[in-house]
Amino acid sequence: MPLPISESRARPGDTEKMAVNMGVVDLGQIDLLVQEGFYSNRSDLVRTAVRNQLAVHADALRQTVARRTLTLGLQQLGRVELERAVAAGERLKIQVVGLARIDDDVSPELALAAIESVTVLGAFQASAAVRKALADRTT
């Protein structure tokens, strides 16, 4: 059963670090823009550039999210939601663009009983035991 589409922005604590390899000329130009006050730092420029590209491709992203029945933003699951799915005889296919978070109150056994698969483009947060239990169901 696909989960509903929801949109949300990441909170400051919900960010992930990403490394980008740049040529020295590009890096020098970025540093020049920072020195001239166009951006507060290198990261500010990179975040702005990424957001601009995401805005350019917003329609394609929305269509893909809808077509693939993905959750956009944050998908948080706790013990109550997973127990409800098990009681209904459902197995969840978690498909997220953003952050998928399984609460600490979820046991590995409950996760295995309720979750058929996990596909995350972004970040997946769960206890080490739940991550290990779902390892063969995670792509």
N, C-alpha and C. Protein backbone atom coordinates (compact mmCIF):
# COMPACT_ATOMS: atom_id res chain seq x y z
N MET A 1 0.84 -1.17 0.00
CA MET A 1 0.00 0.00 0.00
C MET A 1 0.88 1.23 0.00
N PRO A 2 0.82 2.11 -1.00
CA PRO A 2 1.66 3.29 -1.03
C PRO A 2 1.25 4.28 0.05
N LEU A 3 2.22 4.98 0.56
CA LEU A 3 1.96 6.00 1.57
C LEU A 3 1.63 7.31 0.88
N PRO A 4 0.89 8.21 1.54
CA PRO A 4 0.46 9.45 0.90
C PRO A 4 1.61 10.39 0.61
N ILE A 5 1.39 11.25 -0.38
CA ILE A 5 2.37 12.27 -0.71
C ILE A 5 2.20 13.43 0.24
N SER A 6 3.29 13.88 0.84
CA SER A 6 3.24 15.07 1.68
C SER A 6 4.50 15.87 1.42
N GLU A 7 4.37 17.17 1.46
CA GLU A 7 5.51 18.02 1.21
C GLU A 7 5.87 18.76 2.48
N SER A 8 7.16 18.85 2.77
CA SER A 8 7.62 19.63 3.91
C SER A 8 9.07 20.00 3.68
N ARG A 9 9.48 21.04 4.32
CA ARG A 9 10.88 21.48 4.29
C ARG A 9 11.61 20.84 5.45
N ALA A 10 12.87 20.53 5.25
CA ALA A 10 13.68 19.97 6.33
C ALA A 10 13.92 21.03 7.39
N ARG A 11 13.87 20.61 8.63
CA ARG A 11 14.21 21.50 9.73
C ARG A 11 15.73 21.54 9.82
N PRO A 12 16.30 22.55 10.49
CA PRO A 12 17.76 22.66 10.56
C PRO A 12 18.45 21.39 11.04
N GLY A 13 17.85 20.66 11.97
CA GLY A 13 18.45 19.42 12.46
C GLY A 13 18.28 18.26 11.51
N ASP A 14 17.52 18.43 10.44
CA ASP A 14 17.24 17.35 9.49
C ASP A 14 18.06 17.49 8.22
N THR A 15 19.24 18.04 8.31
CA THR A 15 20.07 18.22 7.13
C THR A 15 21.15 17.15 7.09
N GLU A 16 21.65 16.90 5.91
CA GLU A 16 22.72 15.94 5.69
C GLU A 16 23.89 16.65 5.04
N LYS A 17 25.08 16.24 5.37
CA LYS A 17 26.27 16.81 4.77
C LYS A 17 26.55 16.12 3.44
N MET A 18 27.01 16.91 2.46
CA MET A 18 27.31 16.37 1.14
C MET A 18 28.63 16.98 0.68
N ALA A 19 29.51 16.17 0.16
CA ALA A 19 30.79 16.67 -0.36
C ALA A 19 30.68 16.87 -1.87
N VAL A 20 31.26 17.95 -2.35
CA VAL A 20 31.26 18.25 -3.78
C VAL A 20 32.70 18.52 -4.21
N ASN A 21 33.17 17.80 -5.20
CA ASN A 21 34.50 18.05 -5.75
C ASN A 21 34.39 19.13 -6.82
N MET A 22 35.18 20.17 -6.68
CA MET A 22 35.15 21.31 -7.61
C MET A 22 36.54 21.53 -8.18
N GLY A 23 36.56 22.02 -9.40
CA GLY A 23 37.82 22.44 -9.99
C GLY A 23 38.32 23.70 -9.29
N VAL A 24 39.63 23.93 -9.35
CA VAL A 24 40.21 25.06 -8.61
C VAL A 24 39.73 26.41 -9.16
N VAL A 25 39.48 26.49 -10.45
CA VAL A 25 39.00 27.76 -11.02
C VAL A 25 37.58 28.04 -10.53
N ASP A 26 36.70 27.02 -10.57
CA ASP A 26 35.34 27.20 -10.05
C ASP A 26 35.37 27.57 -8.58
N LEU A 27 36.20 26.89 -7.82
CA LEU A 27 36.31 27.17 -6.39
C LEU A 27 36.80 28.60 -6.15
N GLY A 28 37.75 29.04 -6.94
CA GLY A 28 38.24 30.41 -6.82
C GLY A 28 37.16 31.44 -7.13
N GLN A 29 36.35 31.14 -8.14
CA GLN A 29 35.25 32.06 -8.48
C GLN A 29 34.20 32.10 -7.37
N ILE A 30 33.94 30.95 -6.78
CA ILE A 30 33.01 30.91 -5.64
C ILE A 30 33.55 31.75 -4.50
N ASP A 31 34.84 31.58 -4.18
CA ASP A 31 35.46 32.35 -3.10
C ASP A 31 35.40 33.85 -3.39
N LEU A 32 35.56 34.23 -4.65
CA LEU A 32 35.48 35.64 -5.03
C LEU A 32 34.07 36.19 -4.78
N LEU A 33 33.04 35.42 -5.16
CA LEU A 33 31.66 35.84 -4.90
C LEU A 33 31.38 35.97 -3.40
N VAL A 34 31.96 35.08 -2.61
CA VAL A 34 31.80 35.16 -1.15
C VAL A 34 32.49 36.42 -0.63
N GLN A 35 33.72 36.66 -1.10
CA GLN A 35 34.45 37.87 -0.67
C GLN A 35 33.72 39.15 -1.03
N GLU A 36 33.05 39.14 -2.17
CA GLU A 36 32.33 40.32 -2.64
C GLU A 36 30.95 40.47 -1.98
N GLY A 37 30.58 39.52 -1.14
CA GLY A 37 29.35 39.63 -0.37
C GLY A 37 28.10 39.10 -1.04
N PHE A 38 28.24 38.42 -2.18
CA PHE A 38 27.07 37.85 -2.84
C PHE A 38 26.50 36.68 -2.03
N TYR A 39 27.37 35.96 -1.33
CA TYR A 39 26.98 34.82 -0.50
C TYR A 39 27.75 34.91 0.82
N SER A 40 27.16 34.35 1.87
CA SER A 40 27.82 34.43 3.17
C SER A 40 29.00 33.46 3.27
N ASN A 41 28.93 32.35 2.53
CA ASN A 41 30.03 31.37 2.53
C ASN A 41 29.83 30.43 1.35
N ARG A 42 30.75 29.50 1.16
CA ARG A 42 30.67 28.56 0.04
C ARG A 42 29.39 27.73 0.10
N SER A 43 29.04 27.27 1.29
CA SER A 43 27.84 26.44 1.43
C SER A 43 26.59 27.19 1.02
N ASP A 44 26.52 28.47 1.34
CA ASP A 44 25.37 29.29 0.96
C ASP A 44 25.22 29.31 -0.55
N LEU A 45 26.32 29.47 -1.28
CA LEU A 45 26.26 29.47 -2.73
C LEU A 45 25.80 28.11 -3.26
N VAL A 46 26.34 27.03 -2.73
CA VAL A 46 25.98 25.70 -3.20
C VAL A 46 24.50 25.42 -2.92
N ARG A 47 24.03 25.74 -1.71
CA ARG A 47 22.61 25.54 -1.39
C ARG A 47 21.71 26.33 -2.34
N THR A 48 22.10 27.59 -2.61
CA THR A 48 21.32 28.43 -3.51
C THR A 48 21.30 27.84 -4.91
N ALA A 49 22.45 27.39 -5.40
CA ALA A 49 22.52 26.80 -6.74
C ALA A 49 21.68 25.53 -6.83
N VAL A 50 21.72 24.69 -5.81
CA VAL A 50 20.94 23.46 -5.82
C VAL A 50 19.45 23.79 -5.79
N ARG A 51 19.03 24.71 -4.95
CA ARG A 51 17.61 25.09 -4.89
C ARG A 51 17.14 25.67 -6.22
N ASN A 52 17.99 26.47 -6.86
CA ASN A 52 17.63 27.02 -8.17
C ASN A 52 17.42 25.91 -9.20
N GLN A 53 18.29 24.91 -9.20
CA GLN A 53 18.14 23.80 -10.13
C GLN A 53 16.90 22.96 -9.82
N LEU A 54 16.63 22.77 -8.54
CA LEU A 54 15.41 22.04 -8.17
C LEU A 54 14.17 22.81 -8.60
N ALA A 55 14.21 24.13 -8.53
CA ALA A 55 13.08 24.95 -8.98
C ALA A 55 12.90 24.82 -10.49
N VAL A 56 14.01 24.79 -11.22
CA VAL A 56 13.94 24.63 -12.68
C VAL A 56 13.26 23.32 -13.05
N HIS A 57 13.52 22.28 -12.28
CA HIS A 57 12.99 20.95 -12.57
C HIS A 57 11.79 20.59 -11.70
N ALA A 58 11.14 21.57 -11.09
CA ALA A 58 10.05 21.31 -10.14
C ALA A 58 8.91 20.52 -10.75
N ASP A 59 8.50 20.84 -11.97
CA ASP A 59 7.40 20.11 -12.60
C ASP A 59 7.75 18.65 -12.82
N ALA A 60 8.94 18.40 -13.31
CA ALA A 60 9.37 17.01 -13.54
C ALA A 60 9.44 16.25 -12.22
N LEU A 61 9.92 16.91 -11.17
CA LEU A 61 9.99 16.26 -9.86
C LEU A 61 8.60 15.92 -9.34
N ARG A 62 7.67 16.88 -9.43
CA ARG A 62 6.29 16.64 -8.96
C ARG A 62 5.65 15.48 -9.72
N GLN A 63 5.84 15.44 -11.03
CA GLN A 63 5.26 14.37 -11.84
C GLN A 63 5.86 13.01 -11.47
N THR A 64 7.15 12.98 -11.25
CA THR A 64 7.81 11.73 -10.89
C THR A 64 7.36 11.26 -9.52
N VAL A 65 7.27 12.18 -8.57
CA VAL A 65 6.81 11.82 -7.22
C VAL A 65 5.40 11.25 -7.29
N ALA A 66 4.52 11.88 -8.03
CA ALA A 66 3.15 11.40 -8.15
C ALA A 66 3.09 10.05 -8.86
N ARG A 67 3.84 9.91 -9.94
CA ARG A 67 3.82 8.67 -10.72
C ARG A 67 4.36 7.50 -9.91
N ARG A 68 5.38 7.74 -9.13
CA ARG A 68 6.00 6.66 -8.37
C ARG A 68 5.42 6.53 -6.96
N THR A 69 4.39 7.27 -6.65
CA THR A 69 3.75 7.30 -5.33
C THR A 69 4.78 7.42 -4.21
N LEU A 70 5.59 8.44 -4.31
CA LEU A 70 6.62 8.72 -3.32
C LEU A 70 6.13 9.73 -2.31
N THR A 71 6.65 9.67 -1.11
CA THR A 71 6.42 10.70 -0.11
C THR A 71 7.53 11.72 -0.29
N LEU A 72 7.17 12.97 -0.41
CA LEU A 72 8.14 14.04 -0.58
C LEU A 72 8.25 14.81 0.72
N GLY A 73 9.43 14.83 1.31
CA GLY A 73 9.64 15.52 2.58
C GLY A 73 9.99 14.52 3.66
N LEU A 74 9.18 14.53 4.72
CA LEU A 74 9.43 13.67 5.89
C LEU A 74 8.35 12.60 5.98
N GLN A 75 8.77 11.36 6.13
CA GLN A 75 7.85 10.25 6.42
C GLN A 75 8.31 9.67 7.75
N GLN A 76 7.50 9.87 8.78
CA GLN A 76 7.86 9.38 10.11
C GLN A 76 6.87 8.31 10.52
N LEU A 77 7.40 7.17 10.95
CA LEU A 77 6.57 6.06 11.37
C LEU A 77 6.93 5.65 12.78
N GLY A 78 5.90 5.44 13.57
CA GLY A 78 6.09 4.99 14.94
C GLY A 78 5.42 3.65 15.17
N ARG A 79 5.50 3.19 16.39
CA ARG A 79 4.94 1.90 16.77
C ARG A 79 3.45 1.81 16.46
N VAL A 80 2.69 2.86 16.77
CA VAL A 80 1.23 2.84 16.56
C VAL A 80 0.88 2.64 15.08
N GLU A 81 1.53 3.39 14.18
CA GLU A 81 1.24 3.25 12.75
C GLU A 81 1.58 1.85 12.24
N LEU A 82 2.70 1.32 12.68
CA LEU A 82 3.11 0.00 12.21
C LEU A 82 2.22 -1.10 12.79
N GLU A 83 1.82 -0.97 14.05
CA GLU A 83 0.90 -1.95 14.63
C GLU A 83 -0.45 -1.92 13.91
N ARG A 84 -0.90 -0.72 13.53
CA ARG A 84 -2.14 -0.58 12.78
C ARG A 84 -2.05 -1.31 11.43
N ALA A 85 -0.92 -1.15 10.76
CA ALA A 85 -0.73 -1.83 9.47
C ALA A 85 -0.75 -3.34 9.64
N VAL A 86 -0.06 -3.85 10.64
CA VAL A 86 -0.03 -5.29 10.90
C VAL A 86 -1.44 -5.80 11.20
N ALA A 87 -2.18 -5.07 12.05
CA ALA A 87 -3.55 -5.47 12.41
C ALA A 87 -4.46 -5.51 11.19
N ALA A 88 -4.21 -4.62 10.22
CA ALA A 88 -5.02 -4.58 9.00
C ALA A 88 -4.53 -5.58 7.95
N GLY A 89 -3.47 -6.30 8.26
CA GLY A 89 -2.92 -7.25 7.30
C GLY A 89 -2.17 -6.60 6.15
N GLU A 90 -1.71 -5.37 6.36
CA GLU A 90 -1.00 -4.63 5.32
C GLU A 90 0.49 -4.66 5.57
N ARG A 91 1.24 -4.58 4.47
CA ARG A 91 2.70 -4.44 4.56
C ARG A 91 3.06 -3.18 3.81
N LEU A 92 3.76 -2.29 4.47
CA LEU A 92 4.05 -0.98 3.92
C LEU A 92 5.24 -1.00 2.99
N LYS A 93 5.11 -0.25 1.91
CA LYS A 93 6.22 0.03 1.01
C LYS A 93 6.57 1.50 1.24
N ILE A 94 7.65 1.72 1.95
CA ILE A 94 8.08 3.08 2.26
C ILE A 94 8.91 3.58 1.10
N GLN A 95 8.45 4.66 0.46
CA GLN A 95 9.15 5.25 -0.68
C GLN A 95 9.21 6.75 -0.44
N VAL A 96 10.40 7.26 -0.15
CA VAL A 96 10.55 8.64 0.29
C VAL A 96 11.63 9.36 -0.49
N VAL A 97 11.33 10.60 -0.86
CA VAL A 97 12.33 11.53 -1.35
C VAL A 97 12.45 12.57 -0.24
N GLY A 98 13.51 12.47 0.53
CA GLY A 98 13.69 13.36 1.68
C GLY A 98 14.22 12.56 2.86
N LEU A 99 13.41 12.49 3.92
CA LEU A 99 13.83 11.81 5.14
C LEU A 99 12.77 10.80 5.56
N ALA A 100 13.18 9.55 5.71
CA ALA A 100 12.33 8.51 6.30
C ALA A 100 12.87 8.24 7.69
N ARG A 101 11.97 8.34 8.67
CA ARG A 101 12.39 8.16 10.07
C ARG A 101 11.46 7.16 10.73
N ILE A 102 12.06 6.14 11.34
CA ILE A 102 11.31 5.16 12.12
C ILE A 102 11.65 5.41 13.58
N ASP A 103 10.63 5.65 14.38
CA ASP A 103 10.82 6.02 15.78
C ASP A 103 11.53 4.93 16.57
N ASP A 104 12.14 5.33 17.67
CA ASP A 104 12.88 4.40 18.52
C ASP A 104 11.97 3.40 19.24
N ASP A 105 10.66 3.67 19.30
CA ASP A 105 9.75 2.74 19.97
C ASP A 105 9.37 1.54 19.09
N VAL A 106 9.94 1.46 17.89
CA VAL A 106 9.66 0.36 16.96
C VAL A 106 10.72 -0.73 17.13
N SER A 107 10.24 -1.94 17.41
CA SER A 107 11.17 -3.06 17.56
C SER A 107 11.52 -3.62 16.18
N PRO A 108 12.65 -4.32 16.08
CA PRO A 108 12.99 -4.95 14.81
C PRO A 108 11.91 -5.93 14.33
N GLU A 109 11.31 -6.65 15.27
CA GLU A 109 10.27 -7.62 14.92
C GLU A 109 9.04 -6.92 14.32
N LEU A 110 8.63 -5.80 14.92
CA LEU A 110 7.49 -5.05 14.39
C LEU A 110 7.81 -4.48 13.02
N ALA A 111 9.01 -3.96 12.85
CA ALA A 111 9.41 -3.41 11.55
C ALA A 111 9.35 -4.50 10.48
N LEU A 112 9.84 -5.67 10.78
CA LEU A 112 9.81 -6.77 9.81
C LEU A 112 8.39 -7.21 9.49
N ALA A 113 7.52 -7.19 10.48
CA ALA A 113 6.13 -7.61 10.25
C ALA A 113 5.35 -6.58 9.44
N ALA A 114 5.69 -5.30 9.58
CA ALA A 114 4.87 -4.24 8.97
C ALA A 114 5.44 -3.68 7.68
N ILE A 115 6.75 -3.81 7.45
CA ILE A 115 7.39 -3.13 6.32
C ILE A 115 7.87 -4.13 5.28
N GLU A 116 7.34 -3.97 4.08
CA GLU A 116 7.74 -4.84 2.96
C GLU A 116 9.04 -4.36 2.33
N SER A 117 9.17 -3.02 2.15
CA SER A 117 10.37 -2.48 1.52
C SER A 117 10.57 -1.02 1.92
N VAL A 118 11.82 -0.59 1.81
CA VAL A 118 12.18 0.79 2.11
C VAL A 118 13.06 1.30 0.97
N THR A 119 12.58 2.36 0.31
CA THR A 119 13.37 3.02 -0.73
C THR A 119 13.43 4.49 -0.35
N VAL A 120 14.65 4.98 -0.11
CA VAL A 120 14.81 6.37 0.32
C VAL A 120 15.85 7.05 -0.57
N LEU A 121 15.43 8.16 -1.15
CA LEU A 121 16.34 9.05 -1.86
C LEU A 121 16.52 10.23 -0.94
N GLY A 122 17.56 10.20 -0.15
CA GLY A 122 17.79 11.21 0.88
C GLY A 122 18.43 10.54 2.07
N ALA A 123 17.72 10.52 3.20
CA ALA A 123 18.27 9.95 4.43
C ALA A 123 17.26 9.04 5.10
N PHE A 124 17.76 7.97 5.73
CA PHE A 124 16.93 7.01 6.45
C PHE A 124 17.43 6.94 7.87
N GLN A 125 16.56 7.27 8.83
CA GLN A 125 16.93 7.24 10.24
C GLN A 125 16.09 6.21 10.96
N ALA A 126 16.77 5.31 11.65
CA ALA A 126 16.12 4.29 12.47
C ALA A 126 17.18 3.77 13.43
N SER A 127 16.74 3.06 14.46
CA SER A 127 17.71 2.48 15.38
C SER A 127 18.60 1.49 14.62
N ALA A 128 19.75 1.25 15.17
CA ALA A 128 20.68 0.32 14.53
C ALA A 128 20.04 -1.06 14.36
N ALA A 129 19.26 -1.50 15.35
CA ALA A 129 18.63 -2.82 15.29
C ALA A 129 17.58 -2.87 14.17
N VAL A 130 16.79 -1.82 14.02
CA VAL A 130 15.77 -1.79 12.97
C VAL A 130 16.43 -1.71 11.60
N ARG A 131 17.47 -0.88 11.48
CA ARG A 131 18.20 -0.78 10.20
C ARG A 131 18.76 -2.15 9.80
N LYS A 132 19.32 -2.85 10.78
CA LYS A 132 19.89 -4.18 10.50
C LYS A 132 18.80 -5.16 10.08
N ALA A 133 17.67 -5.13 10.77
CA ALA A 133 16.56 -6.04 10.44
C ALA A 133 16.02 -5.78 9.04
N LEU A 134 15.99 -4.51 8.63
CA LEU A 134 15.43 -4.16 7.32
C LEU A 134 16.49 -4.09 6.21
N ALA A 135 17.70 -4.46 6.51
CA ALA A 135 18.81 -4.30 5.54
C ALA A 135 18.50 -4.95 4.19
N ASP A 136 17.93 -6.14 4.19
CA ASP A 136 17.66 -6.82 2.92
C ASP A 136 16.40 -6.30 2.21
N ARG A 137 15.67 -5.37 2.86
CA ARG A 137 14.48 -4.79 2.27
C ARG A 137 14.69 -3.32 1.89
N THR A 138 15.92 -2.84 2.07
CA THR A 138 16.23 -1.44 1.85
C THR A 138 17.01 -1.26 0.56
N THR A 139 16.54 -0.29 -0.26
CA THR A 139 17.28 0.03 -1.49
C THR A 139 17.60 1.51 -1.51
